[in-house]
Amino acid sequence: MPRIVAHLDMDAFFAAIEERDTPAFRGLPLVVGADPRGGKGRGVAATSNYRARAYGIHSATPISVAWRLSEAARRAGKPPVTFVSVDMAKYARVSDAVLGIMRRFIPLVEPASIDEAYGDVSATGSYEEAERLCRELKQAIRTEQRLTASVGIGPNKLIAKIASGLRKPDGLTVVREAEAEAFLEPLSVRAIPGIGPKTERHLARQGIMLVRDLKTLGPARLEGLLGKRGVELYDKVRGLDSTPVETSFQPKSIGEQETFETDVRDSRLLVEQLAALSRDVIARLHREGLHRFRTIVLTVRFADFETKSRARTLARPAGEAVTLRREALKLLMPFLDRRDNPRRKAIRLLGLRVEQLDEGRQRNLYGQE
């Protein structure tokens, strides 16, 4: 029996829910995110619908930029963007409902985020039957939740995920195992999960734009260009991925961030905010049923939008807010003086996340669990 994996990705999820629930929003460009405050707002767009994307507004676009793009469209005679605040509790409820529908069709489902999940559809026995099943799944989501989803079907999670993004919205793309390499070759290197804008620019300087360009490089060359990630890419660009679909989902990282109402130089305020982020991250860690972390990542975005990250991996796992706050403060301190902030720029955003998570229980002072 061939291994067949489906990846379901909800279309413009947050925005689609708002359009569904508020008929007046339908047909308009819509952005779910921070309050733009007439172009002076902080924060980013969480999701935009496809009409807003046509204006150049995408996930993580600064909300002030989204406002300016909306105003430019308005001046050109197009409808301005409607901005809506995030309602994460509502989106989580809809996500649970969608997963419930998916599990009726596919016994083995792995949630990947609030708006996407993998399903092992090998039991269908063929790609033709897997496609039929997924079309029924898409129709059930449309009927019961009045939302659309795009699905990719492939021989593994890598191919399925890339395929689900090709024909959005409401798409379904099937890539058989024998087609996987040829399917990937003409795609931009950005199509490969793990390659972001910075890596894309780095590869472009080497004349590497497409997946087929990456395929010409051996493991040693890839490692020289990208470190350990390069070795992993050797298999990915050939469409190989043995990662199983697992029913238990454990997040790889947990983080929080705060965009300040006004840019901050006051060290005391920054340290206080870092303490609050530490408490919030630990609270989320525990809500996920996890208790320990090893890696801490601090992100600082300056007033001019320059963004820097610093990470620290502990010698042994920890799980206390006081430890997280102390280690995060060590990462923050160079940004408060001229070591990592030589021009003493004001700070717009602080972000804190933990990685290398596990369920190990914290020990008390006597070493007991």
Protein backbone atom coordinates (compact mmCIF):
# COMPACT_ATOMS: atom_id res chain seq x y z
CA MET A 1 0.00 0.00 0.00
CA PRO A 2 1.51 3.37 -0.98
CA ARG A 3 2.03 6.02 1.67
CA ILE A 4 -0.31 8.92 0.92
CA VAL A 5 -0.55 12.10 2.99
CA ALA A 6 -3.03 14.98 2.77
CA HIS A 7 -2.40 18.50 4.01
CA LEU A 8 -5.45 20.68 4.66
CA ASP A 9 -4.96 24.44 4.82
CA MET A 10 -7.89 26.74 5.55
CA ASP A 11 -8.14 29.68 3.15
CA ALA A 12 -7.46 33.12 4.72
CA PHE A 13 -8.82 31.55 7.90
CA PHE A 14 -9.37 34.47 10.29
CA ALA A 15 -10.62 36.78 7.55
CA ALA A 16 -12.88 34.09 6.09
CA ILE A 17 -14.53 33.56 9.48
CA GLU A 18 -15.17 37.29 9.86
CA GLU A 19 -16.66 37.46 6.35
CA ARG A 20 -18.85 34.46 7.13
CA ASP A 21 -20.12 35.96 10.40
CA THR A 22 -20.62 39.52 9.15
CA PRO A 23 -22.31 39.61 5.74
CA ALA A 24 -21.47 43.32 5.33
CA PHE A 25 -17.78 42.38 5.03
CA ARG A 26 -18.31 40.11 2.03
CA GLY A 27 -16.84 41.39 -1.18
CA LEU A 28 -14.63 43.92 0.60
CA PRO A 29 -10.86 43.82 1.18
CA LEU A 30 -10.52 42.74 4.81
CA VAL A 31 -7.59 42.64 7.25
CA VAL A 32 -7.70 41.00 10.67
CA GLY A 33 -5.08 42.41 13.01
CA ALA A 34 -4.06 45.40 15.07
CA ASP A 35 -5.95 48.71 15.06
CA PRO A 36 -4.41 50.86 12.27
CA ARG A 37 -5.31 54.12 14.11
CA GLY A 38 -5.34 56.13 10.95
CA GLY A 39 -1.89 54.97 9.92
CA LYS A 40 -0.31 55.45 13.35
CA GLY A 41 -1.16 52.01 14.75
CA ARG A 42 1.35 49.45 15.92
CA GLY A 43 1.39 45.73 15.37
CA VAL A 44 0.77 43.72 12.23
CA ALA A 45 -1.88 42.13 10.04
CA ALA A 46 -2.67 38.62 11.29
CA THR A 47 -4.56 37.61 8.14
CA SER A 48 -5.83 39.36 5.04
CA ASN A 49 -8.39 38.09 2.58
CA TYR A 50 -7.51 37.70 -1.07
CA ARG A 51 -8.89 41.11 -2.04
CA ALA A 52 -6.61 42.79 0.49
CA ARG A 53 -3.69 40.65 -0.69
CA ALA A 54 -4.20 42.14 -4.14
CA TYR A 55 -3.28 45.50 -2.51
CA GLY A 56 -0.02 43.97 -1.25
CA ILE A 57 -1.19 43.30 2.32
CA HIS A 58 -0.18 39.91 3.67
CA SER A 59 0.24 38.20 7.02
CA ALA A 60 2.77 40.07 9.20
CA THR A 61 2.54 43.28 7.14
CA PRO A 62 2.96 46.19 9.61
CA ILE A 63 -0.51 47.58 10.21
CA SER A 64 0.69 51.12 9.44
CA VAL A 65 1.87 49.89 6.03
CA ALA A 66 -1.45 48.10 5.50
CA TRP A 67 -3.23 51.41 6.20
CA ARG A 68 -1.09 53.27 3.67
CA LEU A 69 -1.73 50.60 1.02
CA SER A 70 -5.45 50.82 1.75
CA GLU A 71 -5.37 54.60 1.37
CA ALA A 72 -3.48 54.30 -1.90
CA ALA A 73 -6.17 51.93 -3.18
CA ARG A 74 -8.90 54.31 -2.04
CA ARG A 75 -7.29 57.22 -3.87
CA ALA A 76 -7.17 55.04 -6.98
CA GLY A 77 -10.94 54.55 -6.77
CA LYS A 78 -10.85 51.08 -5.20
CA PRO A 79 -12.63 50.01 -2.00
CA PRO A 80 -10.57 50.76 1.13
CA VAL A 81 -9.67 47.96 3.50
CA THR A 82 -11.94 47.09 6.40
CA PHE A 83 -9.84 46.43 9.52
CA VAL A 84 -11.12 43.95 12.13
CA SER A 85 -9.67 43.07 15.53
CA VAL A 86 -8.45 39.53 16.22
CA ASP A 87 -10.89 37.22 18.05
CA MET A 88 -8.64 34.26 18.80
CA ALA A 89 -11.18 32.47 21.01
CA LYS A 90 -13.66 32.36 18.12
CA TYR A 91 -11.03 31.17 15.65
CA ALA A 92 -9.97 28.40 18.04
CA ARG A 93 -13.58 27.17 18.30
CA VAL A 94 -13.90 27.04 14.51
CA SER A 95 -10.53 25.29 14.26
CA ASP A 96 -11.75 22.58 16.66
CA ALA A 97 -14.90 22.15 14.59
CA VAL A 98 -12.91 21.78 11.36
CA LEU A 99 -10.63 19.21 12.98
CA GLY A 100 -13.71 17.31 14.14
CA ILE A 101 -14.97 17.15 10.54
CA MET A 102 -11.56 16.06 9.30
CA ARG A 103 -11.39 13.23 11.83
CA ARG A 104 -14.71 11.85 10.56
CA PHE A 105 -13.07 11.30 7.20
CA ILE A 106 -9.47 10.54 8.21
CA PRO A 107 -8.71 8.54 11.39
CA LEU A 108 -5.07 9.69 11.68
CA VAL A 109 -4.94 13.51 11.84
CA GLU A 110 -2.07 15.73 13.03
CA PRO A 111 -2.92 19.38 13.74
CA ALA A 112 -0.08 21.60 12.54
CA SER A 113 -1.47 25.01 13.55
CA ILE A 114 -4.82 26.69 14.13
CA ASP A 115 -5.62 26.58 10.40
CA GLU A 116 -3.84 23.53 9.01
CA ALA A 117 -3.49 19.80 9.61
CA TYR A 118 -2.04 16.66 8.08
CA GLY A 119 -3.95 13.44 7.52
CA ASP A 120 -2.66 9.96 6.66
CA VAL A 121 -4.91 8.76 3.84
CA SER A 122 -2.84 5.71 2.92
CA ALA A 123 -5.79 3.46 3.84
CA THR A 124 -7.64 4.67 0.74
CA GLY A 125 -5.23 2.51 -1.24
CA SER A 126 -4.74 4.88 -4.19
CA TYR A 127 -4.31 8.51 -5.09
CA GLU A 128 -7.63 8.43 -6.94
CA GLU A 129 -9.49 7.33 -3.81
CA ALA A 130 -7.54 9.77 -1.66
CA GLU A 131 -8.59 12.60 -3.98
CA ARG A 132 -12.24 11.50 -3.84
CA LEU A 133 -12.11 11.40 -0.02
CA CYS A 134 -10.54 14.85 0.20
CA ARG A 135 -13.12 16.37 -2.13
CA GLU A 136 -15.84 15.03 0.18
CA LEU A 137 -13.96 16.49 3.16
CA LYS A 138 -13.72 19.90 1.51
CA GLN A 139 -17.44 19.83 0.73
CA ALA A 140 -18.31 18.90 4.32
CA ILE A 141 -16.28 21.86 5.63
CA ARG A 142 -18.00 24.15 3.14
CA THR A 143 -21.46 22.86 4.07
CA GLU A 144 -21.03 22.74 7.85
CA GLN A 145 -18.73 25.70 8.46
CA ARG A 146 -19.32 27.78 5.32
CA LEU A 147 -15.56 28.01 4.79
CA THR A 148 -13.21 26.81 2.08
CA ALA A 149 -10.02 24.82 2.44
CA SER A 150 -7.21 23.91 0.07
CA VAL A 151 -5.78 20.39 0.12
CA GLY A 152 -2.53 18.93 -1.12
CA ILE A 153 -2.08 15.18 -1.55
CA GLY A 154 1.35 13.62 -1.88
CA PRO A 155 3.66 10.77 -0.86
CA ASN A 156 4.78 12.59 2.31
CA LYS A 157 4.11 15.63 4.49
CA LEU A 158 6.60 17.85 2.62
CA ILE A 159 5.01 17.38 -0.78
CA ALA A 160 1.46 17.54 0.58
CA LYS A 161 2.11 20.86 2.33
CA ILE A 162 3.69 22.50 -0.71
CA ALA A 163 0.90 21.16 -2.94
CA SER A 164 -1.86 22.59 -0.72
CA GLY A 165 -0.58 26.12 -1.31
CA LEU A 166 -0.46 26.00 -5.09
CA ARG A 167 -4.12 26.51 -6.04
CA LYS A 168 -5.55 28.68 -3.29
CA PRO A 169 -8.28 29.36 -2.52
CA ASP A 170 -10.45 26.22 -2.55
CA GLY A 171 -7.82 24.18 -4.38
CA LEU A 172 -6.92 20.50 -4.50
CA THR A 173 -3.56 19.38 -5.90
CA VAL A 174 -2.39 15.77 -6.22
CA VAL A 175 1.31 14.92 -6.61
CA ARG A 176 2.17 11.25 -6.96
CA GLU A 177 5.45 9.85 -5.69
CA ALA A 178 6.91 9.47 -9.19
CA GLU A 179 6.08 13.13 -9.90
CA ALA A 180 7.50 14.64 -6.71
CA GLU A 181 10.95 15.70 -7.94
CA ALA A 182 9.64 17.15 -11.21
CA PHE A 183 6.89 18.93 -9.26
CA LEU A 184 9.44 20.70 -7.05
CA GLU A 185 12.09 21.61 -9.64
CA PRO A 186 10.49 24.73 -11.20
CA LEU A 187 9.38 26.17 -7.86
CA SER A 188 11.10 29.03 -6.07
CA VAL A 189 13.41 27.96 -3.26
CA ARG A 190 10.95 29.72 -0.92
CA ALA A 191 8.51 26.87 -1.55
CA ILE A 192 10.68 24.60 0.59
CA PRO A 193 9.62 24.82 4.27
CA GLY A 194 12.39 26.36 6.33
CA ILE A 195 13.66 28.70 3.60
CA GLY A 196 12.62 32.24 4.51
CA PRO A 197 13.33 35.64 2.95
CA LYS A 198 16.82 35.93 4.44
CA THR A 199 17.92 32.49 3.20
CA GLU A 200 16.29 33.19 -0.16
CA ARG A 201 18.38 36.37 -0.54
CA HIS A 202 21.52 34.53 0.55
CA LEU A 203 20.95 31.81 -2.06
CA ALA A 204 20.07 34.37 -4.74
CA ARG A 205 23.52 35.94 -4.30
CA GLN A 206 24.90 32.53 -5.29
CA GLY A 207 22.66 32.44 -8.37
CA ILE A 208 20.31 29.91 -6.77
CA MET A 209 16.69 30.88 -7.40
CA LEU A 210 14.79 27.66 -8.05
CA VAL A 211 14.63 24.24 -6.44
CA ARG A 212 16.31 22.77 -9.52
CA ASP A 213 19.30 25.06 -8.80
CA LEU A 214 19.56 23.68 -5.27
CA LYS A 215 19.50 20.13 -6.61
CA THR A 216 22.81 20.70 -8.38
CA LEU A 217 24.56 21.13 -5.01
CA GLY A 218 25.90 18.22 -3.01
CA PRO A 219 25.50 17.84 0.78
CA ALA A 220 28.92 19.37 1.52
CA ARG A 221 28.22 22.47 -0.57
CA LEU A 222 24.77 22.87 0.99
CA GLU A 223 26.24 22.59 4.47
CA GLY A 224 28.85 25.18 3.57
CA LEU A 225 26.14 27.58 2.44
CA LEU A 226 23.51 26.97 5.11
CA GLY A 227 25.04 24.97 7.93
CA LYS A 228 23.21 21.92 9.27
CA ARG A 229 19.99 23.01 7.57
CA GLY A 230 21.73 22.58 4.25
CA VAL A 231 22.20 18.86 4.81
CA GLU A 232 18.47 18.49 5.50
CA LEU A 233 17.69 20.38 2.30
CA TYR A 234 19.51 17.76 0.23
CA ASP A 235 16.62 15.35 0.81
CA LYS A 236 13.87 17.97 0.76
CA VAL A 237 14.68 19.28 -2.72
CA ARG A 238 14.40 15.68 -3.94
CA GLY A 239 10.94 15.38 -2.45
CA LEU A 240 12.03 13.02 0.34
CA ASP A 241 10.48 13.19 3.81
CA SER A 242 9.98 10.27 6.19
CA THR A 243 8.30 12.29 8.97
CA PRO A 244 5.23 10.35 10.18
CA VAL A 245 1.75 11.79 10.66
CA GLU A 246 1.29 11.77 14.43
CA THR A 247 -1.98 12.22 16.28
CA SER A 248 -0.34 13.89 19.28
CA PHE A 249 0.74 17.42 18.47
CA GLN A 250 3.40 19.15 20.51
CA PRO A 251 4.40 22.69 19.56
CA LYS A 252 8.04 23.18 18.62
CA SER A 253 8.11 26.61 20.19
CA ILE A 254 5.94 28.88 22.32
CA GLY A 255 6.29 32.63 22.26
CA GLU A 256 4.74 35.99 23.00
CA GLN A 257 5.49 39.47 21.74
CA GLU A 258 4.48 43.03 22.50
CA THR A 259 4.38 45.96 20.11
CA PHE A 260 4.60 49.18 22.10
CA GLU A 261 2.18 52.06 21.58
CA THR A 262 5.18 54.39 21.34
CA ASP A 263 8.80 53.47 20.70
CA VAL A 264 10.65 52.80 23.95
CA ARG A 265 14.14 53.72 25.15
CA ASP A 266 13.42 53.45 28.87
CA SER A 267 15.36 50.42 30.15
CA ARG A 268 13.07 50.01 33.14
CA LEU A 269 9.97 49.70 30.96
CA LEU A 270 11.70 47.22 28.67
CA VAL A 271 12.79 45.05 31.60
CA GLU A 272 9.25 45.15 33.04
CA GLN A 273 7.80 44.11 29.70
CA LEU A 274 10.31 41.27 29.43
CA ALA A 275 9.19 40.03 32.86
CA ALA A 276 5.55 40.08 31.70
CA LEU A 277 6.43 38.20 28.52
CA SER A 278 8.29 35.60 30.60
CA ARG A 279 5.21 34.99 32.76
CA ASP A 280 2.95 34.74 29.71
CA VAL A 281 5.25 32.28 27.93
CA ILE A 282 5.46 30.02 30.98
CA ALA A 283 1.68 30.14 31.41
CA ARG A 284 1.19 29.08 27.77
CA LEU A 285 3.84 26.38 28.16
CA HIS A 286 1.88 24.86 31.04
CA ARG A 287 -1.45 25.16 29.21
CA GLU A 288 0.07 23.01 26.45
CA GLY A 289 0.89 20.33 29.04
CA LEU A 290 4.60 21.10 28.80
CA HIS A 291 6.93 21.99 31.64
CA ARG A 292 10.46 22.54 30.37
CA PHE A 293 12.45 24.33 27.70
CA ARG A 294 16.12 24.55 26.77
CA THR A 295 16.41 27.32 24.19
CA ILE A 296 15.38 30.95 24.68
CA VAL A 297 15.02 33.34 21.75
CA LEU A 298 14.68 37.11 22.17
CA THR A 299 13.53 39.28 19.27
CA VAL A 300 13.97 43.05 19.20
CA ARG A 301 12.45 45.28 16.52
CA PHE A 302 13.70 48.86 16.46
CA ALA A 303 11.71 51.94 15.53
CA ASP A 304 13.11 51.79 11.98
CA PHE A 305 11.86 48.15 11.71
CA GLU A 306 15.34 46.66 11.83
CA THR A 307 14.84 43.33 13.61
CA LYS A 308 17.41 41.29 15.48
CA SER A 309 17.19 37.99 17.35
CA ARG A 310 19.46 36.45 19.94
CA ALA A 311 19.24 32.90 21.31
CA ARG A 312 20.68 31.00 24.22
CA THR A 313 20.55 27.24 24.89
CA LEU A 314 20.77 26.19 28.51
CA ALA A 315 23.04 23.42 29.74
CA ARG A 316 19.98 21.59 31.08
CA PRO A 317 16.22 22.07 30.69
CA ALA A 318 14.40 24.60 32.91
CA GLY A 319 10.77 25.40 33.52
CA GLU A 320 10.50 28.35 35.89
CA ALA A 321 9.50 31.87 34.95
CA VAL A 322 12.34 33.25 37.07
CA THR A 323 14.89 31.29 35.02
CA LEU A 324 13.35 32.39 31.75
CA ARG A 325 13.29 36.03 32.88
CA ARG A 326 16.91 35.91 34.08
CA GLU A 327 18.26 34.32 30.89
CA ALA A 328 16.15 36.53 28.64
CA LEU A 329 17.48 39.59 30.46
CA LYS A 330 21.01 38.51 29.59
CA LEU A 331 19.98 38.53 25.94
CA LEU A 332 18.26 41.90 26.24
CA MET A 333 21.04 43.81 28.04
CA PRO A 334 23.29 44.32 24.97
CA PHE A 335 20.33 46.04 23.25
CA LEU A 336 20.13 48.53 26.08
CA ASP A 337 23.65 49.81 25.48
CA ARG A 338 25.97 50.17 22.52
CA ARG A 339 26.93 46.49 22.14
CA ASP A 340 23.90 45.52 20.02
CA ASN A 341 22.39 49.00 19.72
CA PRO A 342 25.27 51.35 18.91
CA ARG A 343 22.98 54.14 17.72
CA ARG A 344 20.76 53.82 20.81
CA LYS A 345 17.66 53.37 18.71
CA ALA A 346 14.25 53.16 20.37
CA ILE A 347 12.60 49.75 20.47
CA ARG A 348 9.25 49.11 18.81
CA LEU A 349 8.68 45.43 19.67
CA LEU A 350 9.92 42.79 22.09
CA GLY A 351 9.37 39.10 21.45
CA LEU A 352 10.27 36.11 23.59
CA ARG A 353 9.93 32.43 22.79
CA VAL A 354 11.15 29.09 24.10
CA GLU A 355 12.15 26.03 22.09
CA GLN A 356 13.26 22.44 22.69
CA LEU A 357 10.19 21.78 24.80
CA ASP A 358 9.28 18.65 26.73
CA GLU A 359 6.81 17.32 29.27
CA GLY A 360 9.39 16.60 32.00
CA ARG A 361 8.16 17.67 35.41
CA GLN A 362 10.03 20.35 37.30
CA ARG A 363 12.02 19.21 40.32
CA ASN A 364 11.75 20.82 43.74
CA LEU A 365 14.62 21.97 45.90
CA TYR A 366 15.19 18.42 47.07
CA GLY A 367 15.43 17.02 43.56
CA GLN A 368 12.05 15.29 43.79
CA GLU A 369 9.42 15.53 41.07
